[in-house]
């Protein structure tokens, strides 16, 4: 039941919020891969860490910008 409400909530989100969510998701996946590759001592692990953290940083800046720009912060996820 939790998954159904989570998916329904994502479907109700405005496209801009969905894009921010996808940026966070991609950043989290790339950062996790970077950590895994760091533990395995691969040479290209820092690339994944840098790109993943950049995605997370951009998504965070977009979310803060949207929250500051929005007048009613209670309905942030609704639009």
N, C-alpha and C. Protein backbone atom coordinates (compact mmCIF):
# COMPACT_ATOMS: atom_id res chain seq x y z
N UNK A 1 0.82 -1.19 0.00
CA UNK A 1 0.00 0.00 0.00
C UNK A 1 0.86 1.26 0.00
N UNK A 2 2.01 1.20 0.68
CA UNK A 2 2.91 2.35 0.72
C UNK A 2 3.38 2.71 -0.68
N UNK A 3 3.72 1.70 -1.47
CA UNK A 3 4.21 1.97 -2.82
C UNK A 3 3.14 2.62 -3.69
N UNK A 4 1.89 2.22 -3.51
CA UNK A 4 0.82 2.79 -4.31
C UNK A 4 0.66 4.27 -3.99
N UNK A 5 0.68 4.64 -2.71
CA UNK A 5 0.53 6.04 -2.35
C UNK A 5 1.76 6.84 -2.78
N UNK A 6 2.93 6.24 -2.71
CA UNK A 6 4.14 6.93 -3.14
C UNK A 6 4.09 7.22 -4.63
N UNK A 7 3.69 6.22 -5.42
CA UNK A 7 3.59 6.40 -6.86
C UNK A 7 2.50 7.41 -7.19
N UNK A 8 1.38 7.34 -6.47
CA UNK A 8 0.29 8.30 -6.72
C UNK A 8 0.76 9.71 -6.39
N UNK A 9 1.54 9.86 -5.34
CA UNK A 9 2.04 11.18 -4.95
C UNK A 9 3.00 11.71 -6.02
N UNK A 10 3.85 10.85 -6.55
CA UNK A 10 4.76 11.29 -7.61
C UNK A 10 3.98 11.67 -8.86
N UNK A 11 2.91 10.93 -9.17
CA UNK A 11 2.10 11.26 -10.34
C UNK A 11 1.39 12.59 -10.18
N UNK A 12 1.08 12.99 -8.94
CA UNK A 12 0.41 14.26 -8.70
C UNK A 12 1.38 15.44 -8.75
N UNK A 13 2.65 15.16 -8.64
CA UNK A 13 3.64 16.23 -8.60
C UNK A 13 3.71 16.95 -9.94
N UNK A 14 4.00 18.21 -9.87
CA UNK A 14 4.19 19.01 -11.07
C UNK A 14 5.47 18.54 -11.77
N UNK A 15 5.59 18.77 -13.05
CA UNK A 15 6.73 18.28 -13.80
C UNK A 15 8.05 18.81 -13.25
N UNK A 16 8.07 20.05 -12.78
CA UNK A 16 9.30 20.61 -12.26
C UNK A 16 9.77 19.84 -11.03
N UNK A 17 8.83 19.49 -10.14
CA UNK A 17 9.20 18.72 -8.96
C UNK A 17 9.67 17.33 -9.35
N UNK A 18 9.07 16.75 -10.36
CA UNK A 18 9.49 15.44 -10.82
C UNK A 18 10.90 15.49 -11.38
N UNK A 19 11.23 16.56 -12.09
CA UNK A 19 12.59 16.71 -12.61
C UNK A 19 13.59 16.84 -11.47
N UNK A 20 13.24 17.58 -10.43
CA UNK A 20 14.13 17.71 -9.28
C UNK A 20 14.31 16.35 -8.60
N UNK A 21 13.21 15.60 -8.46
CA UNK A 21 13.28 14.27 -7.86
C UNK A 21 14.19 13.35 -8.67
N UNK A 22 14.07 13.41 -9.99
CA UNK A 22 14.90 12.56 -10.85
C UNK A 22 16.37 12.96 -10.74
N UNK A 23 16.66 14.26 -10.63
CA UNK A 23 18.04 14.70 -10.44
C UNK A 23 18.62 14.16 -9.14
N UNK A 24 17.83 14.22 -8.06
CA UNK A 24 18.28 13.65 -6.78
C UNK A 24 18.51 12.15 -6.90
N UNK A 25 17.62 11.48 -7.60
CA UNK A 25 17.75 10.03 -7.77
C UNK A 25 18.99 9.66 -8.56
N UNK A 26 19.23 10.34 -9.67
CA UNK A 26 20.43 10.07 -10.47
C UNK A 26 21.69 10.38 -9.67
N UNK A 27 21.67 11.51 -8.96
CA UNK A 27 22.82 11.86 -8.13
C UNK A 27 23.10 10.85 -7.05
N UNK A 28 22.04 10.34 -6.43
CA UNK A 28 22.22 9.33 -5.39
C UNK A 28 22.78 8.03 -5.93
N UNK A 29 22.30 7.63 -7.09
CA UNK A 29 22.79 6.39 -7.70
C UNK A 29 24.26 6.54 -8.09
N UNK A 30 24.61 7.67 -8.72
CA UNK A 30 26.01 7.86 -9.13
C UNK A 30 26.94 7.99 -7.93
N UNK A 31 26.48 8.65 -6.87
CA UNK A 31 27.31 8.77 -5.67
C UNK A 31 27.51 7.41 -5.02
N UNK A 32 26.45 6.60 -4.97
CA UNK A 32 26.56 5.25 -4.41
C UNK A 32 27.53 4.41 -5.22
N UNK A 33 27.45 4.51 -6.54
CA UNK A 33 28.41 3.79 -7.39
C UNK A 33 29.84 4.28 -7.14
N UNK A 34 29.99 5.59 -6.96
CA UNK A 34 31.32 6.13 -6.68
C UNK A 34 31.88 5.61 -5.38
N UNK A 35 31.06 5.50 -4.36
CA UNK A 35 31.51 4.95 -3.07
C UNK A 35 31.87 3.49 -3.23
N UNK A 36 31.04 2.75 -3.94
CA UNK A 36 31.32 1.33 -4.17
C UNK A 36 32.64 1.15 -4.92
N UNK A 37 32.83 1.93 -5.98
CA UNK A 37 34.05 1.82 -6.76
C UNK A 37 35.27 2.29 -5.97
N UNK A 38 35.08 3.23 -5.04
CA UNK A 38 36.18 3.66 -4.18
C UNK A 38 36.61 2.52 -3.26
N UNK A 39 35.63 1.80 -2.71
CA UNK A 39 35.97 0.67 -1.85
C UNK A 39 36.67 -0.44 -2.63
N UNK A 40 36.35 -0.55 -3.92
CA UNK A 40 36.99 -1.57 -4.75
C UNK A 40 38.30 -1.07 -5.38
N UNK A 41 38.67 0.17 -5.06
CA UNK A 41 39.94 0.77 -5.52
C UNK A 41 40.03 0.94 -7.03
N UNK A 42 38.90 1.25 -7.67
CA UNK A 42 38.93 1.54 -9.10
C UNK A 42 39.38 2.98 -9.32
N UNK A 43 40.06 3.21 -10.42
CA UNK A 43 40.64 4.54 -10.66
C UNK A 43 39.60 5.57 -11.08
N UNK A 44 38.48 5.15 -11.63
CA UNK A 44 37.48 6.09 -12.11
C UNK A 44 36.38 6.37 -11.08
N UNK A 45 36.60 5.99 -9.84
CA UNK A 45 35.59 6.19 -8.80
C UNK A 45 35.35 7.67 -8.51
N UNK A 46 36.40 8.48 -8.56
CA UNK A 46 36.24 9.90 -8.26
C UNK A 46 35.34 10.59 -9.29
N UNK A 47 35.36 10.12 -10.53
CA UNK A 47 34.48 10.68 -11.55
C UNK A 47 33.01 10.51 -11.15
N UNK A 48 32.64 9.30 -10.71
CA UNK A 48 31.27 9.04 -10.31
C UNK A 48 30.89 9.87 -9.08
N UNK A 49 31.82 10.02 -8.15
CA UNK A 49 31.54 10.83 -6.96
C UNK A 49 31.32 12.30 -7.34
N UNK A 50 32.17 12.82 -8.20
CA UNK A 50 32.05 14.23 -8.59
C UNK A 50 30.75 14.47 -9.35
N UNK A 51 30.43 13.62 -10.31
CA UNK A 51 29.22 13.80 -11.11
C UNK A 51 27.97 13.60 -10.24
N UNK A 52 27.98 12.60 -9.39
CA UNK A 52 26.83 12.35 -8.52
C UNK A 52 26.58 13.49 -7.55
N UNK A 53 27.63 14.00 -6.93
CA UNK A 53 27.46 15.12 -6.01
C UNK A 53 27.05 16.39 -6.75
N UNK A 54 27.49 16.55 -7.99
CA UNK A 54 27.07 17.70 -8.78
C UNK A 54 25.57 17.63 -9.08
N UNK A 55 25.09 16.46 -9.45
CA UNK A 55 23.65 16.29 -9.66
C UNK A 55 22.88 16.63 -8.39
N UNK A 56 23.34 16.13 -7.25
CA UNK A 56 22.65 16.41 -5.98
C UNK A 56 22.69 17.90 -5.65
N UNK A 57 23.82 18.54 -5.91
CA UNK A 57 23.93 19.98 -5.64
C UNK A 57 23.01 20.81 -6.51
N UNK A 58 22.95 20.48 -7.79
CA UNK A 58 22.06 21.21 -8.70
C UNK A 58 20.60 21.00 -8.30
N UNK A 59 20.24 19.78 -7.94
CA UNK A 59 18.86 19.50 -7.52
C UNK A 59 18.53 20.25 -6.24
N UNK A 60 19.48 20.33 -5.32
CA UNK A 60 19.26 21.07 -4.07
C UNK A 60 19.08 22.55 -4.34
N UNK A 61 19.91 23.11 -5.21
CA UNK A 61 19.76 24.52 -5.55
C UNK A 61 18.43 24.81 -6.23
N UNK A 62 18.00 23.93 -7.12
CA UNK A 62 16.70 24.11 -7.77
C UNK A 62 15.55 24.03 -6.77
N UNK A 63 15.66 23.11 -5.82
CA UNK A 63 14.61 22.97 -4.83
C UNK A 63 14.55 24.19 -3.91
N UNK A 64 15.70 24.68 -3.48
CA UNK A 64 15.73 25.87 -2.62
C UNK A 64 15.22 27.08 -3.38
N UNK A 65 15.61 27.23 -4.64
CA UNK A 65 15.14 28.34 -5.46
C UNK A 65 13.62 28.30 -5.60
N UNK A 66 13.10 27.12 -5.87
CA UNK A 66 11.65 27.00 -6.02
C UNK A 66 10.93 27.27 -4.70
N UNK A 67 11.50 26.82 -3.59
CA UNK A 67 10.89 27.05 -2.29
C UNK A 67 10.90 28.53 -1.92
N UNK A 68 11.99 29.23 -2.24
CA UNK A 68 12.07 30.67 -1.94
C UNK A 68 11.13 31.45 -2.86
N UNK A 69 11.04 31.04 -4.11
CA UNK A 69 10.20 31.73 -5.09
C UNK A 69 8.71 31.54 -4.80
N UNK A 70 8.37 30.37 -4.24
CA UNK A 70 6.97 30.08 -3.96
C UNK A 70 6.52 30.85 -2.73
N UNK A 71 5.36 31.45 -2.81
CA UNK A 71 4.87 32.26 -1.70
C UNK A 71 4.31 31.41 -0.56
N UNK A 72 3.58 30.33 -0.88
CA UNK A 72 2.99 29.47 0.13
C UNK A 72 3.82 28.20 0.24
N UNK A 73 4.63 28.08 1.27
CA UNK A 73 5.55 26.95 1.39
C UNK A 73 4.83 25.68 1.83
N UNK A 74 3.57 25.76 2.29
CA UNK A 74 2.86 24.55 2.69
C UNK A 74 2.49 23.69 1.50
N UNK A 75 2.32 24.27 0.34
CA UNK A 75 1.94 23.53 -0.85
C UNK A 75 3.11 23.37 -1.81
N UNK A 76 4.30 23.24 -1.28
CA UNK A 76 5.49 23.15 -2.12
C UNK A 76 5.46 21.93 -3.04
N UNK A 77 5.03 20.78 -2.53
CA UNK A 77 5.02 19.57 -3.34
C UNK A 77 3.82 19.50 -4.27
N UNK A 78 2.84 20.37 -4.09
CA UNK A 78 1.65 20.32 -4.92
C UNK A 78 1.84 21.01 -6.27
N UNK A 79 2.80 21.92 -6.36
CA UNK A 79 2.96 22.61 -7.64
C UNK A 79 4.42 22.77 -8.01
